Amino acid sequence: MVRDGRLVAIRTLSELRAAAPRRLTIRFSRPVSPCTDLAGATVVKRDADCWVLDVQGPIGSVIAALSAMPVADVDVASFTLDEAILRLFGESPRC
């Protein structure tokens, strides 16, 4: 990959996909406080009834942290290749 005329990275598509985080959207059945420690997750948005997190690697520790909470639904989405490339270039993906 080249950015502004300079070589930024040499990666295969498989490497790009593997390095990209997954986005978890957690909806709660009732409002929750934001005091839970979510090691391995980056908080994108945190409302009383919905959290959006980016998780790199295994999501087991995040799921374990949520186990005592009133979780109504969890959506797990992989980042697209476009989003992975934007992150590599230091740009934020669009929400």
N, C-alpha and C. Protein backbone atom coordinates (compact mmCIF):
# COMPACT_ATOMS: atom_id res chain seq x y z
N MET A 1 0.84 -1.17 0.00
CA MET A 1 0.00 0.00 0.00
C MET A 1 0.88 1.23 0.00
N VAL A 2 0.45 2.20 -0.77
CA VAL A 2 1.19 3.45 -0.91
C VAL A 2 0.28 4.59 -0.50
N ARG A 3 0.84 5.51 0.29
CA ARG A 3 0.10 6.69 0.73
C ARG A 3 1.00 7.90 0.55
N ASP A 4 0.49 8.90 -0.14
CA ASP A 4 1.24 10.13 -0.40
C ASP A 4 2.62 9.84 -1.00
N GLY A 5 2.67 8.83 -1.88
CA GLY A 5 3.91 8.51 -2.57
C GLY A 5 4.90 7.70 -1.75
N ARG A 6 4.50 7.27 -0.55
CA ARG A 6 5.41 6.49 0.30
C ARG A 6 4.79 5.13 0.58
N LEU A 7 5.65 4.12 0.67
CA LEU A 7 5.20 2.78 1.00
C LEU A 7 4.76 2.75 2.45
N VAL A 8 3.51 2.38 2.69
CA VAL A 8 2.95 2.34 4.04
C VAL A 8 3.03 0.94 4.61
N ALA A 9 2.70 -0.06 3.81
CA ALA A 9 2.69 -1.43 4.31
C ALA A 9 2.68 -2.42 3.16
N ILE A 10 3.20 -3.60 3.47
CA ILE A 10 3.12 -4.73 2.55
C ILE A 10 2.41 -5.83 3.32
N ARG A 11 1.15 -6.05 2.99
CA ARG A 11 0.33 -7.05 3.69
C ARG A 11 -0.55 -7.77 2.69
N THR A 12 -0.82 -9.02 3.00
CA THR A 12 -1.77 -9.76 2.18
C THR A 12 -3.18 -9.40 2.63
N LEU A 13 -4.16 -9.73 1.82
CA LEU A 13 -5.55 -9.49 2.20
C LEU A 13 -5.90 -10.28 3.46
N SER A 14 -5.40 -11.48 3.58
CA SER A 14 -5.66 -12.29 4.78
C SER A 14 -5.09 -11.62 6.03
N GLU A 15 -3.90 -11.05 5.93
CA GLU A 15 -3.30 -10.35 7.06
C GLU A 15 -4.11 -9.12 7.44
N LEU A 16 -4.59 -8.39 6.46
CA LEU A 16 -5.41 -7.21 6.73
C LEU A 16 -6.70 -7.61 7.44
N ARG A 17 -7.35 -8.65 6.97
CA ARG A 17 -8.59 -9.11 7.59
C ARG A 17 -8.36 -9.59 9.02
N ALA A 18 -7.27 -10.33 9.23
CA ALA A 18 -6.99 -10.87 10.56
C ALA A 18 -6.67 -9.77 11.57
N ALA A 19 -6.07 -8.67 11.11
CA ALA A 19 -5.68 -7.59 12.01
C ALA A 19 -6.83 -6.62 12.31
N ALA A 20 -7.89 -6.70 11.53
CA ALA A 20 -9.00 -5.77 11.72
C ALA A 20 -9.85 -6.19 12.92
N PRO A 21 -10.25 -5.23 13.75
CA PRO A 21 -11.11 -5.56 14.90
C PRO A 21 -12.53 -5.88 14.44
N ARG A 22 -13.31 -6.38 15.37
CA ARG A 22 -14.73 -6.59 15.14
C ARG A 22 -15.50 -5.55 15.93
N ARG A 23 -16.65 -5.16 15.41
CA ARG A 23 -17.49 -4.18 16.10
C ARG A 23 -18.64 -4.91 16.78
N LEU A 24 -18.74 -4.73 18.09
CA LEU A 24 -19.82 -5.32 18.87
C LEU A 24 -20.81 -4.22 19.23
N THR A 25 -22.09 -4.47 18.96
CA THR A 25 -23.15 -3.57 19.39
C THR A 25 -23.96 -4.35 20.41
N ILE A 26 -23.95 -3.85 21.65
CA ILE A 26 -24.64 -4.52 22.75
C ILE A 26 -25.83 -3.68 23.15
N ARG A 27 -27.01 -4.28 23.11
CA ARG A 27 -28.24 -3.60 23.54
C ARG A 27 -28.69 -4.21 24.85
N PHE A 28 -29.10 -3.36 25.77
CA PHE A 28 -29.51 -3.81 27.09
C PHE A 28 -31.02 -3.69 27.24
N SER A 29 -31.59 -4.55 28.07
CA SER A 29 -33.03 -4.54 28.31
C SER A 29 -33.45 -3.44 29.27
N ARG A 30 -32.47 -2.89 29.99
CA ARG A 30 -32.72 -1.74 30.86
C ARG A 30 -31.43 -0.95 30.96
N PRO A 31 -31.48 0.31 31.36
CA PRO A 31 -30.26 1.13 31.44
C PRO A 31 -29.22 0.53 32.38
N VAL A 32 -27.94 0.67 31.99
CA VAL A 32 -26.82 0.17 32.79
C VAL A 32 -25.83 1.30 33.02
N SER A 33 -25.03 1.16 34.06
CA SER A 33 -24.00 2.17 34.34
C SER A 33 -22.74 1.82 33.54
N PRO A 34 -21.95 2.82 33.18
CA PRO A 34 -20.76 2.58 32.35
C PRO A 34 -19.52 2.20 33.13
N CYS A 35 -19.66 1.55 34.29
CA CYS A 35 -18.50 1.29 35.15
C CYS A 35 -17.79 -0.02 34.85
N THR A 36 -18.28 -0.84 33.95
CA THR A 36 -17.68 -2.14 33.66
C THR A 36 -16.35 -1.99 32.94
N ASP A 37 -15.32 -2.73 33.42
CA ASP A 37 -14.02 -2.74 32.76
C ASP A 37 -14.09 -3.71 31.58
N LEU A 38 -13.77 -3.24 30.40
CA LEU A 38 -13.85 -4.06 29.20
C LEU A 38 -12.47 -4.16 28.56
N ALA A 39 -11.59 -4.91 29.21
CA ALA A 39 -10.22 -5.08 28.70
C ALA A 39 -10.26 -5.66 27.30
N GLY A 40 -9.47 -5.09 26.42
CA GLY A 40 -9.41 -5.57 25.04
C GLY A 40 -10.41 -4.91 24.12
N ALA A 41 -11.22 -4.02 24.66
CA ALA A 41 -12.24 -3.35 23.84
C ALA A 41 -12.02 -1.85 23.85
N THR A 42 -12.27 -1.23 22.73
CA THR A 42 -12.24 0.22 22.60
C THR A 42 -13.69 0.69 22.50
N VAL A 43 -14.07 1.58 23.38
CA VAL A 43 -15.44 2.08 23.40
C VAL A 43 -15.61 3.11 22.28
N VAL A 44 -16.54 2.85 21.38
CA VAL A 44 -16.87 3.78 20.30
C VAL A 44 -18.02 4.67 20.74
N LYS A 45 -19.01 4.06 21.40
CA LYS A 45 -20.18 4.79 21.89
C LYS A 45 -20.72 4.04 23.10
N ARG A 46 -21.11 4.78 24.13
CA ARG A 46 -21.66 4.12 25.31
C ARG A 46 -22.82 4.94 25.84
N ASP A 47 -24.03 4.46 25.58
CA ASP A 47 -25.25 5.05 26.13
C ASP A 47 -25.73 4.11 27.24
N ALA A 48 -26.74 4.53 27.97
CA ALA A 48 -27.27 3.72 29.07
C ALA A 48 -27.86 2.40 28.59
N ASP A 49 -28.38 2.36 27.35
CA ASP A 49 -29.01 1.13 26.88
C ASP A 49 -28.37 0.51 25.64
N CYS A 50 -27.26 1.08 25.16
CA CYS A 50 -26.58 0.54 23.98
C CYS A 50 -25.11 0.93 24.00
N TRP A 51 -24.24 -0.06 23.85
CA TRP A 51 -22.80 0.18 23.76
C TRP A 51 -22.32 -0.30 22.40
N VAL A 52 -21.37 0.43 21.82
CA VAL A 52 -20.71 0.02 20.60
C VAL A 52 -19.21 -0.07 20.92
N LEU A 53 -18.64 -1.25 20.67
CA LEU A 53 -17.24 -1.50 21.01
C LEU A 53 -16.50 -2.06 19.81
N ASP A 54 -15.22 -1.72 19.70
CA ASP A 54 -14.33 -2.37 18.74
C ASP A 54 -13.44 -3.31 19.54
N VAL A 55 -13.39 -4.58 19.12
CA VAL A 55 -12.63 -5.60 19.85
C VAL A 55 -11.61 -6.23 18.92
N GLN A 56 -10.36 -6.19 19.34
CA GLN A 56 -9.27 -6.82 18.61
C GLN A 56 -8.98 -8.16 19.27
N GLY A 57 -8.96 -9.23 18.52
CA GLY A 57 -8.67 -10.54 19.08
C GLY A 57 -9.91 -11.21 19.63
N PRO A 58 -9.71 -12.20 20.51
CA PRO A 58 -10.85 -12.96 21.06
C PRO A 58 -11.82 -12.06 21.83
N ILE A 59 -13.12 -12.35 21.72
CA ILE A 59 -14.12 -11.53 22.40
C ILE A 59 -14.61 -12.15 23.71
N GLY A 60 -14.02 -13.29 24.10
CA GLY A 60 -14.46 -14.00 25.30
C GLY A 60 -14.42 -13.16 26.56
N SER A 61 -13.37 -12.37 26.76
CA SER A 61 -13.28 -11.56 27.98
C SER A 61 -14.35 -10.48 28.02
N VAL A 62 -14.70 -9.95 26.87
CA VAL A 62 -15.76 -8.93 26.81
C VAL A 62 -17.11 -9.58 27.12
N ILE A 63 -17.35 -10.74 26.54
CA ILE A 63 -18.60 -11.45 26.79
C ILE A 63 -18.70 -11.82 28.27
N ALA A 64 -17.59 -12.27 28.87
CA ALA A 64 -17.59 -12.61 30.29
C ALA A 64 -17.92 -11.39 31.15
N ALA A 65 -17.38 -10.22 30.79
CA ALA A 65 -17.65 -9.00 31.55
C ALA A 65 -19.12 -8.60 31.45
N LEU A 66 -19.76 -8.95 30.35
CA LEU A 66 -21.17 -8.60 30.14
C LEU A 66 -22.15 -9.62 30.73
N SER A 67 -21.63 -10.75 31.17
CA SER A 67 -22.51 -11.86 31.58
C SER A 67 -23.45 -11.53 32.73
N ALA A 68 -23.07 -10.63 33.61
CA ALA A 68 -23.93 -10.28 34.75
C ALA A 68 -24.84 -9.09 34.45
N MET A 69 -24.80 -8.61 33.22
CA MET A 69 -25.57 -7.44 32.85
C MET A 69 -26.84 -7.85 32.10
N PRO A 70 -27.84 -6.97 32.03
CA PRO A 70 -29.10 -7.31 31.36
C PRO A 70 -29.00 -7.16 29.83
N VAL A 71 -28.20 -8.00 29.21
CA VAL A 71 -27.98 -7.94 27.77
C VAL A 71 -29.21 -8.47 27.05
N ALA A 72 -29.75 -7.67 26.13
CA ALA A 72 -30.91 -8.08 25.34
C ALA A 72 -30.47 -8.64 23.99
N ASP A 73 -29.38 -8.07 23.42
CA ASP A 73 -28.94 -8.49 22.10
C ASP A 73 -27.48 -8.09 21.90
N VAL A 74 -26.75 -8.91 21.15
CA VAL A 74 -25.37 -8.61 20.78
C VAL A 74 -25.23 -8.84 19.29
N ASP A 75 -24.70 -7.84 18.60
CA ASP A 75 -24.43 -7.95 17.17
C ASP A 75 -22.92 -7.86 16.99
N VAL A 76 -22.34 -8.84 16.29
CA VAL A 76 -20.90 -8.85 16.03
C VAL A 76 -20.70 -8.69 14.54
N ALA A 77 -19.97 -7.65 14.14
CA ALA A 77 -19.73 -7.40 12.72
C ALA A 77 -18.24 -7.23 12.47
N SER A 78 -17.75 -7.89 11.44
CA SER A 78 -16.36 -7.72 11.04
C SER A 78 -16.22 -6.42 10.28
N PHE A 79 -15.05 -5.79 10.39
CA PHE A 79 -14.79 -4.60 9.61
C PHE A 79 -14.60 -5.01 8.16
N THR A 80 -15.01 -4.14 7.27
CA THR A 80 -14.81 -4.41 5.85
C THR A 80 -13.35 -4.16 5.50
N LEU A 81 -12.96 -4.64 4.36
CA LEU A 81 -11.60 -4.42 3.90
C LEU A 81 -11.31 -2.93 3.75
N ASP A 82 -12.29 -2.17 3.27
CA ASP A 82 -12.13 -0.72 3.14
C ASP A 82 -11.84 -0.08 4.49
N GLU A 83 -12.57 -0.50 5.52
CA GLU A 83 -12.36 0.05 6.87
C GLU A 83 -10.98 -0.32 7.40
N ALA A 84 -10.53 -1.54 7.13
CA ALA A 84 -9.20 -1.98 7.58
C ALA A 84 -8.12 -1.14 6.92
N ILE A 85 -8.29 -0.84 5.65
CA ILE A 85 -7.31 -0.02 4.93
C ILE A 85 -7.32 1.41 5.47
N LEU A 86 -8.50 1.97 5.70
CA LEU A 86 -8.58 3.32 6.27
C LEU A 86 -7.87 3.39 7.62
N ARG A 87 -8.05 2.38 8.45
CA ARG A 87 -7.38 2.35 9.76
C ARG A 87 -5.87 2.29 9.57
N LEU A 88 -5.40 1.51 8.61
CA LEU A 88 -3.97 1.42 8.35
C LEU A 88 -3.41 2.77 7.93
N PHE A 89 -4.20 3.54 7.21
CA PHE A 89 -3.78 4.87 6.78
C PHE A 89 -3.99 5.92 7.85
N GLY A 90 -4.54 5.51 9.01
CA GLY A 90 -4.73 6.45 10.11
C GLY A 90 -5.98 7.29 10.01
N GLU A 91 -6.92 6.84 9.20
CA GLU A 91 -8.19 7.55 9.06
C GLU A 91 -9.27 6.79 9.79
N SER A 92 -10.24 7.48 10.33
CA SER A 92 -11.33 6.83 11.05
C SER A 92 -12.36 6.32 10.08
N PRO A 93 -12.83 5.07 10.30
CA PRO A 93 -13.93 4.60 9.46
C PRO A 93 -15.21 5.36 9.80
N ARG A 94 -16.09 5.46 8.82
CA ARG A 94 -17.35 6.16 9.04
C ARG A 94 -18.30 5.27 9.81
N CYS A 95 -19.13 5.89 10.67
CA CYS A 95 -20.13 5.13 11.44
C CYS A 95 -21.40 5.01 10.64
